[in-house]
Amino acid sequence: MTVALGLLVATVVIGVAGPFYLRTAVTPSVRPGLALAGWVSSIALMVLTALVAALVLLAPRAYVVDGLIGMSHSCVNVVRADGGAAWEHVARAAGAAAVFCALAWVAAVAGRLSWRRRRWRREHLALLRVVSRCERSVLWVDEDTPLAYSVGGRDGAVVATRGVARLGPRERDAILSHERAHMRGRHHLLVLLADAVAEALPFVPLCRRAPGAIRVLVELAADAAAARLHGPGSVRAGLLAVVGRGAPSTALAMSRDAVEVRLRWLGGERAAGRPPGRAGYALAAALALAPALVSIGVVALGVLAYCLSVRPA
């Protein structure tokens, strides 16, 4: 029971405190991809600790102690005595059921959103392939307005208009590199997962703020990838040349999300392609490891308190 409670407390800590410590990663001294990894790993670890807590609640106490924790011999003997009251078994079953229901709801919402977007993607790309020409994995649409976006998925594609093709070669290549970076990084899937947890668990601060943060970070990460190939000036020029309106809401458009923030980012020192300093790597590593450290610390303290409380005289 102590282990499960520790994991549940860790889940709550990650879900509530996550947005506050992850916010420090949104800085030019840290690669956007590393900050993005911190957000995604925090969400994944929150779900994982909740799942493990539910499994621990359902497992026999002696098995949990022997197999997962390795308590001292005296503690194991006390646990194996199995003198717990009936209410503890009821609480275990109720807690596990609540966690499993919440996780099942998240899975159901994610499946529904995934099915809807997969159907939209199939229909949208089928139409585009009829009215556009494909050249080097890019679907070029006969439209004067400069617009570019990417559609994710196994059969995804980069979509651009004739207005983009008429831009200068540096701007055009930077725009296409930005969209291809979305495809390589599976950013559409990350946005889908963020939208799913936000819709399923809007009362959890980490889940509620995930869509906005991850949408900004995937754009910054794609900008950084394009800037390493073509320079930040070309990415800035391409960002200012294209429009954001007209792109589907489920796609990732070149110039729609957090444009002002991205322009400031591209104008900073980090955008020049310099590798992040040691402080940036240390901060990113700390952000990625913070949820795990919180979980381990809470569980360790809970187990220690349990051992001290049940140790025979």
C-alpha atoms as a PDB file:
ATOM      1  CA  MET A   1       0.000   0.000   0.000  1.00  0.00           C
ATOM      2  CA  THR A   2       2.857   2.369   0.833  1.00  0.00           C
ATOM      3  CA  VAL A   3       4.473   1.850  -2.559  1.00  0.00           C
ATOM      4  CA  ALA A   4       1.212   2.501  -4.384  1.00  0.00           C
ATOM      5  CA  LEU A   5       0.521   5.634  -2.364  1.00  0.00           C
ATOM      6  CA  GLY A   6       4.028   6.885  -3.089  1.00  0.00           C
ATOM      7  CA  LEU A   7       3.542   6.365  -6.813  1.00  0.00           C
ATOM      8  CA  LEU A   8       0.150   8.085  -6.732  1.00  0.00           C
ATOM      9  CA  VAL A   9       1.665  11.038  -4.886  1.00  0.00           C
ATOM     10  CA  ALA A  10       4.416  11.177  -7.510  1.00  0.00           C
ATOM     11  CA  THR A  11       1.757  11.168 -10.238  1.00  0.00           C
ATOM     12  CA  VAL A  12       0.010  14.119  -8.602  1.00  0.00           C
ATOM     13  CA  VAL A  13       3.284  15.996  -8.133  1.00  0.00           C
ATOM     14  CA  ILE A  14       4.208  15.585 -11.801  1.00  0.00           C
ATOM     15  CA  GLY A  15       0.725  16.547 -13.001  1.00  0.00           C
ATOM     16  CA  VAL A  16       0.527  19.669 -10.831  1.00  0.00           C
ATOM     17  CA  ALA A  17       4.122  20.904 -10.690  1.00  0.00           C
ATOM     18  CA  GLY A  18       5.159  19.884 -14.213  1.00  0.00           C
ATOM     19  CA  PRO A  19       4.150  23.098 -16.018  1.00  0.00           C
ATOM     20  CA  PHE A  20       6.105  25.213 -13.534  1.00  0.00           C
ATOM     21  CA  TYR A  21       9.486  23.506 -13.802  1.00  0.00           C
ATOM     22  CA  LEU A  22       9.088  22.771 -17.522  1.00  0.00           C
ATOM     23  CA  ARG A  23       8.463  26.433 -18.223  1.00  0.00           C
ATOM     24  CA  THR A  24      12.116  27.167 -17.470  1.00  0.00           C
ATOM     25  CA  ALA A  25      13.123  25.096 -20.523  1.00  0.00           C
ATOM     26  CA  VAL A  26      11.560  27.562 -22.973  1.00  0.00           C
ATOM     27  CA  THR A  27      14.702  29.630 -23.386  1.00  0.00           C
ATOM     28  CA  PRO A  28      17.140  30.107 -26.280  1.00  0.00           C
ATOM     29  CA  SER A  29      19.906  28.507 -24.167  1.00  0.00           C
ATOM     30  CA  VAL A  30      18.166  25.118 -24.440  1.00  0.00           C
ATOM     31  CA  ARG A  31      17.488  23.308 -27.694  1.00  0.00           C
ATOM     32  CA  PRO A  32      13.729  23.255 -28.364  1.00  0.00           C
ATOM     33  CA  GLY A  33      13.941  19.509 -29.002  1.00  0.00           C
ATOM     34  CA  LEU A  34      15.301  18.937 -25.503  1.00  0.00           C
ATOM     35  CA  ALA A  35      12.569  21.050 -23.956  1.00  0.00           C
ATOM     36  CA  LEU A  36      10.026  19.140 -26.031  1.00  0.00           C
ATOM     37  CA  ALA A  37      11.460  15.875 -24.711  1.00  0.00           C
ATOM     38  CA  GLY A  38      11.011  17.173 -21.173  1.00  0.00           C
ATOM     39  CA  TRP A  39       7.309  17.818 -21.746  1.00  0.00           C
ATOM     40  CA  VAL A  40       6.665  14.503 -23.452  1.00  0.00           C
ATOM     41  CA  SER A  41       8.620  12.496 -20.879  1.00  0.00           C
ATOM     42  CA  SER A  42       6.748  14.194 -18.042  1.00  0.00           C
ATOM     43  CA  ILE A  43       3.393  13.258 -19.531  1.00  0.00           C
ATOM     44  CA  ALA A  44       4.553   9.702 -20.225  1.00  0.00           C
ATOM     45  CA  LEU A  45       5.963   9.288 -16.729  1.00  0.00           C
ATOM     46  CA  MET A  46       2.792  10.642 -15.139  1.00  0.00           C
ATOM     47  CA  VAL A  47       0.775   7.990 -16.967  1.00  0.00           C
ATOM     48  CA  LEU A  48       3.360   5.287 -16.194  1.00  0.00           C
ATOM     49  CA  THR A  49       3.471   5.986 -12.458  1.00  0.00           C
ATOM     50  CA  ALA A  50      -0.327   5.908 -12.303  1.00  0.00           C
ATOM     51  CA  LEU A  51      -0.387   2.566 -14.147  1.00  0.00           C
ATOM     52  CA  VAL A  52       2.285   1.016 -11.929  1.00  0.00           C
ATOM     53  CA  ALA A  53       0.473   2.283  -8.851  1.00  0.00           C
ATOM     54  CA  ALA A  54      -2.717   0.547  -9.981  1.00  0.00           C
ATOM     55  CA  LEU A  55      -0.838  -2.699 -10.621  1.00  0.00           C
ATOM     56  CA  VAL A  56       0.805  -2.489  -7.206  1.00  0.00           C
ATOM     57  CA  LEU A  57      -2.583  -1.955  -5.561  1.00  0.00           C
ATOM     58  CA  LEU A  58      -3.858  -5.169  -7.152  1.00  0.00           C
ATOM     59  CA  ALA A  59      -0.738  -7.248  -6.433  1.00  0.00           C
ATOM     60  CA  PRO A  60      -0.336  -9.239  -3.220  1.00  0.00           C
ATOM     61  CA  ARG A  61       1.574  -7.226  -0.663  1.00  0.00           C
ATOM     62  CA  ALA A  62       4.254  -9.835  -0.096  1.00  0.00           C
ATOM     63  CA  TYR A  63       4.923 -10.069  -3.831  1.00  0.00           C
ATOM     64  CA  VAL A  64       5.237  -6.312  -4.131  1.00  0.00           C
ATOM     65  CA  VAL A  65       7.635  -6.074  -1.241  1.00  0.00           C
ATOM     66  CA  ASP A  66       9.775  -9.068  -2.268  1.00  0.00           C
ATOM     67  CA  GLY A  67       9.763  -8.443  -6.021  1.00  0.00           C
ATOM     68  CA  LEU A  68       9.704  -4.679  -6.385  1.00  0.00           C
ATOM     69  CA  ILE A  69      11.163  -3.120  -3.279  1.00  0.00           C
ATOM     70  CA  GLY A  70      13.361  -5.690  -1.529  1.00  0.00           C
ATOM     71  CA  MET A  71      12.628  -4.580   2.018  1.00  0.00           C
ATOM     72  CA  SER A  72      14.584  -5.815   4.965  1.00  0.00           C
ATOM     73  CA  HIS A  73      13.795  -9.290   6.339  1.00  0.00           C
ATOM     74  CA  SER A  74      11.958  -7.969   9.346  1.00  0.00           C
ATOM     75  CA  CYS A  75       9.672  -5.806   7.233  1.00  0.00           C
ATOM     76  CA  VAL A  76       8.877  -8.723   4.925  1.00  0.00           C
ATOM     77  CA  ASN A  77       7.883 -10.882   7.858  1.00  0.00           C
ATOM     78  CA  VAL A  78       5.502  -8.233   9.099  1.00  0.00           C
ATOM     79  CA  VAL A  79       3.949  -7.817   5.677  1.00  0.00           C
ATOM     80  CA  ARG A  80       3.569 -11.576   5.198  1.00  0.00           C
ATOM     81  CA  ALA A  81       1.633 -11.758   8.432  1.00  0.00           C
ATOM     82  CA  ASP A  82      -1.227 -10.178   6.457  1.00  0.00           C
ATOM     83  CA  GLY A  83      -2.964  -8.635   9.421  1.00  0.00           C
ATOM     84  CA  GLY A  84      -4.483  -5.788   7.429  1.00  0.00           C
ATOM     85  CA  ALA A  85      -8.119  -4.887   7.893  1.00  0.00           C
ATOM     86  CA  ALA A  86     -10.775  -5.477   5.254  1.00  0.00           C
ATOM     87  CA  TRP A  87     -11.019  -1.757   4.488  1.00  0.00           C
ATOM     88  CA  GLU A  88      -7.491  -1.822   3.085  1.00  0.00           C
ATOM     89  CA  HIS A  89      -8.474  -4.402   0.455  1.00  0.00           C
ATOM     90  CA  VAL A  90     -11.516  -2.335  -0.445  1.00  0.00           C
ATOM     91  CA  ALA A  91      -9.377   0.790  -0.725  1.00  0.00           C
ATOM     92  CA  ARG A  92      -6.865  -1.050  -2.913  1.00  0.00           C
ATOM     93  CA  ALA A  93      -9.558  -2.273  -5.301  1.00  0.00           C
ATOM     94  CA  ALA A  94     -11.280   1.118  -5.448  1.00  0.00           C
ATOM     95  CA  GLY A  95      -8.023   2.982  -6.051  1.00  0.00           C
ATOM     96  CA  ALA A  96      -6.913   0.595  -8.768  1.00  0.00           C
ATOM     97  CA  ALA A  97     -10.328   0.781 -10.436  1.00  0.00           C
ATOM     98  CA  ALA A  98     -10.249   4.589 -10.433  1.00  0.00           C
ATOM     99  CA  VAL A  99      -6.781   4.694 -11.991  1.00  0.00           C
ATOM    100  CA  PHE A 100      -7.642   2.086 -14.616  1.00  0.00           C
ATOM    101  CA  CYS A 101     -10.834   3.966 -15.523  1.00  0.00           C
ATOM    102  CA  ALA A 102      -8.906   7.215 -15.937  1.00  0.00           C
ATOM    103  CA  LEU A 103      -6.258   5.561 -18.109  1.00  0.00           C
ATOM    104  CA  ALA A 104      -8.922   3.787 -20.152  1.00  0.00           C
ATOM    105  CA  TRP A 105     -10.642   7.135 -20.709  1.00  0.00           C
ATOM    106  CA  VAL A 106      -7.377   8.680 -21.916  1.00  0.00           C
ATOM    107  CA  ALA A 107      -6.849   5.743 -24.279  1.00  0.00           C
ATOM    108  CA  ALA A 108     -10.417   6.040 -25.591  1.00  0.00           C
ATOM    109  CA  VAL A 109     -10.074   9.773 -26.242  1.00  0.00           C
ATOM    110  CA  ALA A 110      -6.712   9.272 -27.941  1.00  0.00           C
ATOM    111  CA  GLY A 111      -8.148   6.510 -30.119  1.00  0.00           C
ATOM    112  CA  ARG A 112     -11.114   8.650 -31.130  1.00  0.00           C
ATOM    113  CA  LEU A 113      -8.952  11.656 -32.022  1.00  0.00           C
ATOM    114  CA  SER A 114      -6.521   9.431 -33.900  1.00  0.00           C
ATOM    115  CA  TRP A 115      -9.328   7.831 -35.910  1.00  0.00           C
ATOM    116  CA  ARG A 116     -10.840  11.210 -36.801  1.00  0.00           C
ATOM    117  CA  ARG A 117      -7.560  12.698 -37.904  1.00  0.00           C
ATOM    118  CA  ARG A 118      -6.566   9.596 -39.830  1.00  0.00           C
ATOM    119  CA  ARG A 119      -9.850   9.719 -41.735  1.00  0.00           C
ATOM    120  CA  TRP A 120      -9.450  13.443 -42.383  1.00  0.00           C
ATOM    121  CA  ARG A 121      -5.852  12.921 -43.532  1.00  0.00           C
ATOM    122  CA  ARG A 122      -6.837  10.167 -45.950  1.00  0.00           C
ATOM    123  CA  GLU A 123      -9.602  12.260 -47.496  1.00  0.00           C
ATOM    124  CA  HIS A 124      -7.573  15.469 -47.580  1.00  0.00           C
ATOM    125  CA  LEU A 125      -4.528  13.926 -49.224  1.00  0.00           C
ATOM    126  CA  ALA A 126      -6.651  11.996 -51.704  1.00  0.00           C
ATOM    127  CA  LEU A 127      -8.174  15.288 -52.848  1.00  0.00           C
ATOM    128  CA  LEU A 128      -4.847  17.098 -52.951  1.00  0.00           C
ATOM    129  CA  ARG A 129      -3.209  14.400 -55.057  1.00  0.00           C
ATOM    130  CA  VAL A 130      -5.909  14.949 -57.675  1.00  0.00           C
ATOM    131  CA  VAL A 131      -5.577  18.747 -57.892  1.00  0.00           C
ATOM    132  CA  SER A 132      -1.831  19.128 -57.262  1.00  0.00           C
ATOM    133  CA  ARG A 133       1.445  17.944 -58.724  1.00  0.00           C
ATOM    134  CA  CYS A 134       3.939  15.947 -56.711  1.00  0.00           C
ATOM    135  CA  GLU A 135       7.582  16.971 -56.986  1.00  0.00           C
ATOM    136  CA  ARG A 136      10.280  15.647 -54.640  1.00  0.00           C
ATOM    137  CA  SER A 137       7.751  14.515 -52.003  1.00  0.00           C
ATOM    138  CA  VAL A 138       6.013  17.907 -52.000  1.00  0.00           C
ATOM    139  CA  LEU A 139       2.430  18.418 -53.169  1.00  0.00           C
ATOM    140  CA  TRP A 140       2.360  21.720 -55.052  1.00  0.00           C
ATOM    141  CA  VAL A 141      -1.064  23.362 -55.179  1.00  0.00           C
ATOM    142  CA  ASP A 142      -1.921  25.873 -57.910  1.00  0.00           C
ATOM    143  CA  GLU A 143      -2.544  28.860 -55.612  1.00  0.00           C
ATOM    144  CA  ASP A 144      -0.870  32.267 -55.624  1.00  0.00           C
ATOM    145  CA  THR A 145      -1.082  32.795 -51.855  1.00  0.00           C
ATOM    146  CA  PRO A 146       2.161  31.553 -50.252  1.00  0.00           C
ATOM    147  CA  LEU A 147       1.094  28.810 -47.878  1.00  0.00           C
ATOM    148  CA  ALA A 148       2.907  25.718 -46.589  1.00  0.00           C
ATOM    149  CA  TYR A 149       1.937  23.028 -44.129  1.00  0.00           C
ATOM    150  CA  SER A 150       2.583  19.378 -43.388  1.00  0.00           C
ATOM    151  CA  VAL A 151       0.193  16.490 -42.861  1.00  0.00           C
ATOM    152  CA  GLY A 152       1.524  13.786 -40.551  1.00  0.00           C
ATOM    153  CA  GLY A 153       1.066  10.066 -40.528  1.00  0.00           C
ATOM    154  CA  ARG A 154       2.561   7.147 -42.399  1.00  0.00           C
ATOM    155  CA  ASP A 155       1.180   8.507 -45.669  1.00  0.00           C
ATOM    156  CA  GLY A 156       1.731  12.159 -44.771  1.00  0.00           C
ATOM    157  CA  ALA A 157       3.104  14.830 -47.053  1.00  0.00           C
ATOM    158  CA  VAL A 158       4.359  18.388 -47.260  1.00  0.00           C
ATOM    159  CA  VAL A 159       1.898  20.710 -49.008  1.00  0.00           C
ATOM    160  CA  ALA A 160       2.914  24.038 -50.545  1.00  0.00           C
ATOM    161  CA  THR A 161       1.347  26.484 -52.950  1.00  0.00           C
ATOM    162  CA  ARG A 162       2.670  28.031 -56.125  1.00  0.00           C
ATOM    163  CA  GLY A 163       3.210  31.224 -54.124  1.00  0.00           C
ATOM    164  CA  VAL A 164       5.899  29.446 -52.105  1.00  0.00           C
ATOM    165  CA  ALA A 165       7.571  28.160 -55.269  1.00  0.00           C
ATOM    166  CA  ARG A 166       7.901  31.754 -56.494  1.00  0.00           C
ATOM    167  CA  LEU A 167       9.866  32.842 -53.416  1.00  0.00           C
ATOM    168  CA  GLY A 168      13.639  33.065 -53.424  1.00  0.00           C
ATOM    169  CA  PRO A 169      15.484  29.744 -53.274  1.00  0.00           C
ATOM    170  CA  ARG A 170      16.755  30.316 -49.732  1.00  0.00           C
ATOM    171  CA  GLU A 171      13.320  31.143 -48.345  1.00  0.00           C
ATOM    172  CA  ARG A 172      11.674  28.304 -50.262  1.00  0.00           C
ATOM    173  CA  ASP A 173      14.222  25.727 -49.101  1.00  0.00           C
ATOM    174  CA  ALA A 174      13.971  26.932 -45.492  1.00  0.00           C
ATOM    175  CA  ILE A 175      10.189  26.588 -45.566  1.00  0.00           C
ATOM    176  CA  LEU A 176      10.331  23.081 -46.979  1.00  0.00           C
ATOM    177  CA  SER A 177      13.027  22.067 -44.511  1.00  0.00           C
ATOM    178  CA  HIS A 178      10.854  23.320 -41.672  1.00  0.00           C
ATOM    179  CA  GLU A 179       7.939  21.176 -42.778  1.00  0.00           C
ATOM    180  CA  ARG A 180      10.128  18.122 -43.368  1.00  0.00           C
ATOM    181  CA  ALA A 181      11.498  18.518 -39.846  1.00  0.00           C
ATOM    182  CA  HIS A 182       7.918  18.164 -38.597  1.00  0.00           C
ATOM    183  CA  MET A 183       7.628  14.916 -40.498  1.00  0.00           C
ATOM    184  CA  ARG A 184      10.949  13.497 -39.288  1.00  0.00           C
ATOM    185  CA  GLY A 185      10.276  14.403 -35.680  1.00  0.00           C
ATOM    186  CA  ARG A 186       6.741  12.957 -35.714  1.00  0.00           C
ATOM    187  CA  HIS A 187       5.548  16.276 -34.352  1.00  0.00           C
ATOM    188  CA  HIS A 188       1.986  15.625 -35.504  1.00  0.00           C
ATOM    189  CA  LEU A 189       1.830  12.584 -33.233  1.00  0.00           C
ATOM    190  CA  LEU A 190       3.124  14.596 -30.274  1.00  0.00           C
ATOM    191  CA  VAL A 191       0.469  17.249 -30.870  1.00  0.00           C
ATOM    192  CA  LEU A 192      -2.180  14.539 -31.101  1.00  0.00           C
ATOM    193  CA  LEU A 193      -1.110  13.027 -27.776  1.00  0.00           C
ATOM    194  CA  ALA A 194      -1.113  16.451 -26.125  1.00  0.00           C
ATOM    195  CA  ASP A 195      -4.609  17.174 -27.426  1.00  0.00           C
ATOM    196  CA  ALA A 196      -5.789  13.771 -26.198  1.00  0.00           C
ATOM    197  CA  VAL A 197      -4.570  14.144 -22.624  1.00  0.00           C
ATOM    198  CA  ALA A 198      -5.873  17.715 -22.487  1.00  0.00           C
ATOM    199  CA  GLU A 199      -9.338  16.616 -23.608  1.00  0.00           C
ATOM    200  CA  ALA A 200      -9.393  13.573 -21.336  1.00  0.00           C
ATOM    201  CA  LEU A 201      -7.886  15.159 -18.199  1.00  0.00           C
ATOM    202  CA  PRO A 202      -8.467  18.924 -18.402  1.00  0.00           C
ATOM    203  CA  PHE A 203      -8.344  19.266 -14.607  1.00  0.00           C
ATOM    204  CA  VAL A 204      -4.651  18.213 -14.549  1.00  0.00           C
ATOM    205  CA  PRO A 205      -2.449  21.317 -15.081  1.00  0.00           C
ATOM    206  CA  LEU A 206       0.225  19.402 -17.014  1.00  0.00           C
ATOM    207  CA  CYS A 207      -2.358  17.956 -19.406  1.00  0.00           C
ATOM    208  CA  ARG A 208      -4.309  21.197 -19.744  1.00  0.00           C
ATOM    209  CA  ARG A 209      -1.250  23.207 -20.749  1.00  0.00           C
ATOM    210  CA  ALA A 210       0.397  20.541 -22.870  1.00  0.00           C
ATOM    211  CA  PRO A 211      -1.241  21.394 -26.242  1.00  0.00           C
ATOM    212  CA  GLY A 212      -0.193  25.039 -26.188  1.00  0.00           C
ATOM    213  CA  ALA A 213       3.341  24.330 -24.995  1.00  0.00           C
ATOM    214  CA  ILE A 214       3.968  21.414 -27.353  1.00  0.00           C
ATOM    215  CA  ARG A 215       2.620  23.283 -30.391  1.00  0.00           C
ATOM    216  CA  VAL A 216       5.058  26.112 -29.717  1.00  0.00           C
ATOM    217  CA  LEU A 217       7.971  23.755 -29.053  1.00  0.00           C
ATOM    218  CA  VAL A 218       7.454  21.678 -32.203  1.00  0.00           C
ATOM    219  CA  GLU A 219       7.497  24.867 -34.263  1.00  0.00           C
ATOM    220  CA  LEU A 220      10.655  26.057 -32.515  1.00  0.00           C
ATOM    221  CA  ALA A 221      12.261  22.653 -33.040  1.00  0.00           C
ATOM    222  CA  ALA A 222      11.415  22.700 -36.753  1.00  0.00           C
ATOM    223  CA  ASP A 223      12.716  26.269 -37.040  1.00  0.00           C
ATOM    224  CA  ALA A 224      15.973  25.217 -35.374  1.00  0.00           C
ATOM    225  CA  ALA A 225      16.365  22.272 -37.752  1.00  0.00           C
ATOM    226  CA  ALA A 226      15.794  24.510 -40.785  1.00  0.00           C
ATOM    227  CA  ALA A 227      18.126  27.181 -39.394  1.00  0.00           C
ATOM    228  CA  ARG A 228      20.965  24.680 -39.046  1.00  0.00           C
ATOM    229  CA  LEU A 229      20.694  23.939 -42.767  1.00  0.00           C
ATOM    230  CA  HIS A 230      19.861  27.334 -44.244  1.00  0.00           C
ATOM    231  CA  GLY A 231      20.583  29.889 -41.521  1.00  0.00           C
ATOM    232  CA  PRO A 232      18.190  31.746 -39.228  1.00  0.00           C
ATOM    233  CA  GLY A 233      17.849  34.651 -41.664  1.00  0.00           C
ATOM    234  CA  SER A 234      16.361  32.427 -44.351  1.00  0.00           C
ATOM    235  CA  VAL A 235      13.925  30.890 -41.871  1.00  0.00           C
ATOM    236  CA  ARG A 236      12.847  34.336 -40.662  1.00  0.00           C
ATOM    237  CA  ALA A 237      12.326  35.491 -44.233  1.00  0.00           C
ATOM    238  CA  GLY A 238      10.319  32.381 -45.051  1.00  0.00           C
ATOM    239  CA  LEU A 239       8.253  32.750 -41.895  1.00  0.00           C
ATOM    240  CA  LEU A 240       7.377  36.328 -42.826  1.00  0.00           C
ATOM    241  CA  ALA A 241       6.704  35.462 -46.483  1.00  0.00           C
ATOM    242  CA  VAL A 242       4.020  32.815 -45.983  1.00  0.00           C
ATOM    243  CA  VAL A 243       0.582  33.147 -44.426  1.00  0.00           C
ATOM    244  CA  GLY A 244      -0.975  30.955 -41.742  1.00  0.00           C
ATOM    245  CA  ARG A 245      -4.637  31.282 -42.582  1.00  0.00           C
ATOM    246  CA  GLY A 246      -6.025  28.696 -44.944  1.00  0.00           C
ATOM    247  CA  ALA A 247      -4.116  25.737 -43.545  1.00  0.00           C
ATOM    248  CA  PRO A 248      -6.172  22.927 -41.973  1.00  0.00           C
ATOM    249  CA  SER A 249      -6.387  23.094 -38.186  1.00  0.00           C
ATOM    250  CA  THR A 250      -5.061  19.545 -37.782  1.00  0.00           C
ATOM    251  CA  ALA A 251      -1.973  20.252 -39.885  1.00  0.00           C
ATOM    252  CA  LEU A 252       1.192  22.036 -38.779  1.00  0.00           C
ATOM    253  CA  ALA A 253       1.465  25.248 -40.777  1.00  0.00           C
ATOM    254  CA  MET A 254       4.666  27.222 -41.328  1.00  0.00           C
ATOM    255  CA  SER A 255       3.314  30.593 -40.194  1.00  0.00           C
ATOM    256  CA  ARG A 256       0.422  30.131 -37.779  1.00  0.00           C
ATOM    257  CA  ASP A 257       1.503  29.209 -34.231  1.00  0.00           C
ATOM    258  CA  ALA A 258       3.597  31.524 -32.012  1.00  0.00           C
ATOM    259  CA  VAL A 259       4.959  33.570 -34.911  1.00  0.00           C
ATOM    260  CA  GLU A 260       6.189  36.472 -32.757  1.00  0.00           C
ATOM    261  CA  VAL A 261       7.947  34.150 -30.321  1.00  0.00           C
ATOM    262  CA  ARG A 262       9.632  32.303 -33.169  1.00  0.00           C
ATOM    263  CA  LEU A 263      10.814  35.516 -34.808  1.00  0.00           C
ATOM    264  CA  ARG A 264      12.415  36.630 -31.537  1.00  0.00           C
ATOM    265  CA  TRP A 265      13.931  33.165 -31.141  1.00  0.00           C
ATOM    266  CA  LEU A 266      15.391  33.214 -34.639  1.00  0.00           C
ATOM    267  CA  GLY A 267      16.871  36.638 -33.975  1.00  0.00           C
ATOM    268  CA  GLY A 268      18.689  35.466 -30.855  1.00  0.00           C
ATOM    269  CA  GLU A 269      22.122  33.984 -30.392  1.00  0.00           C
ATOM    270  CA  ARG A 270      20.851  30.403 -30.203  1.00  0.00           C
ATOM    271  CA  ALA A 271      19.379  30.579 -33.706  1.00  0.00           C
ATOM    272  CA  ALA A 272      22.774  31.146 -35.247  1.00  0.00           C
ATOM    273  CA  GLY A 273      23.354  27.417 -35.057  1.00  0.00           C
ATOM    274  CA  ARG A 274      25.722  27.420 -32.081  1.00  0.00           C
ATOM    275  CA  PRO A 275      25.437  24.360 -29.899  1.00  0.00           C
ATOM    276  CA  PRO A 276      23.822  24.948 -26.490  1.00  0.00           C
ATOM    277  CA  GLY A 277      26.159  25.513 -23.601  1.00  0.00           C
ATOM    278  CA  ARG A 278      26.748  23.075 -20.795  1.00  0.00           C
ATOM    279  CA  ALA A 279      24.196  24.907 -18.699  1.00  0.00           C
ATOM    280  CA  GLY A 280      21.584  24.322 -21.402  1.00  0.00           C
ATOM    281  CA  TYR A 281      22.287  20.601 -21.562  1.00  0.00           C
ATOM    282  CA  ALA A 282      22.298  20.353 -17.758  1.00  0.00           C
ATOM    283  CA  LEU A 283      18.970  22.150 -17.510  1.00  0.00           C
ATOM    284  CA  ALA A 284      17.393  19.979 -20.189  1.00  0.00           C
ATOM    285  CA  ALA A 285      18.672  16.802 -18.532  1.00  0.00           C
ATOM    286  CA  ALA A 286      17.383  17.960 -15.162  1.00  0.00           C
ATOM    287  CA  LEU A 287      13.961  18.689 -16.621  1.00  0.00           C
ATOM    288  CA  ALA A 288      13.780  15.268 -18.254  1.00  0.00           C
ATOM    289  CA  LEU A 289      14.936  13.486 -15.088  1.00  0.00           C
ATOM    290  CA  ALA A 290      12.991  15.573 -12.581  1.00  0.00           C
ATOM    291  CA  PRO A 291       9.773  13.502 -12.783  1.00  0.00           C
ATOM    292  CA  ALA A 292      11.697  10.266 -12.297  1.00  0.00           C
ATOM    293  CA  LEU A 293      13.657  11.705  -9.385  1.00  0.00           C
ATOM    294  CA  VAL A 294      10.464  12.935  -7.757  1.00  0.00           C
ATOM    295  CA  SER A 295       8.862   9.517  -8.160  1.00  0.00           C
ATOM    296  CA  ILE A 296      11.859   7.637  -6.761  1.00  0.00           C
ATOM    297  CA  GLY A 297      12.227  10.041  -3.852  1.00  0.00           C
ATOM    298  CA  VAL A 298       8.589   9.853  -2.849  1.00  0.00           C
ATOM    299  CA  VAL A 299       8.538   6.063  -3.045  1.00  0.00           C
ATOM    300  CA  ALA A 300      11.802   5.747  -1.100  1.00  0.00           C
ATOM    301  CA  LEU A 301      10.523   7.979   1.681  1.00  0.00           C
ATOM    302  CA  GLY A 302       7.255   6.074   1.818  1.00  0.00           C
ATOM    303  CA  VAL A 303       8.978   2.708   2.049  1.00  0.00           C
ATOM    304  CA  LEU A 304      11.376   3.981   4.721  1.00  0.00           C
ATOM    305  CA  ALA A 305       8.511   5.350   6.787  1.00  0.00           C
ATOM    306  CA  TYR A 306       6.646   2.069   6.413  1.00  0.00           C
ATOM    307  CA  CYS A 307       9.644   0.023   7.545  1.00  0.00           C
ATOM    308  CA  LEU A 308      10.167   2.214  10.586  1.00  0.00           C
ATOM    309  CA  SER A 309       6.496   2.056  11.532  1.00  0.00           C
ATOM    310  CA  VAL A 310       6.099  -1.740  11.308  1.00  0.00           C
ATOM    311  CA  ARG A 311       9.521  -2.843  12.598  1.00  0.00           C
ATOM    312  CA  PRO A 312       8.972  -5.221  15.514  1.00  0.00           C
ATOM    313  CA  ALA A 313      10.275  -4.232  18.931  1.00  0.00           C
END
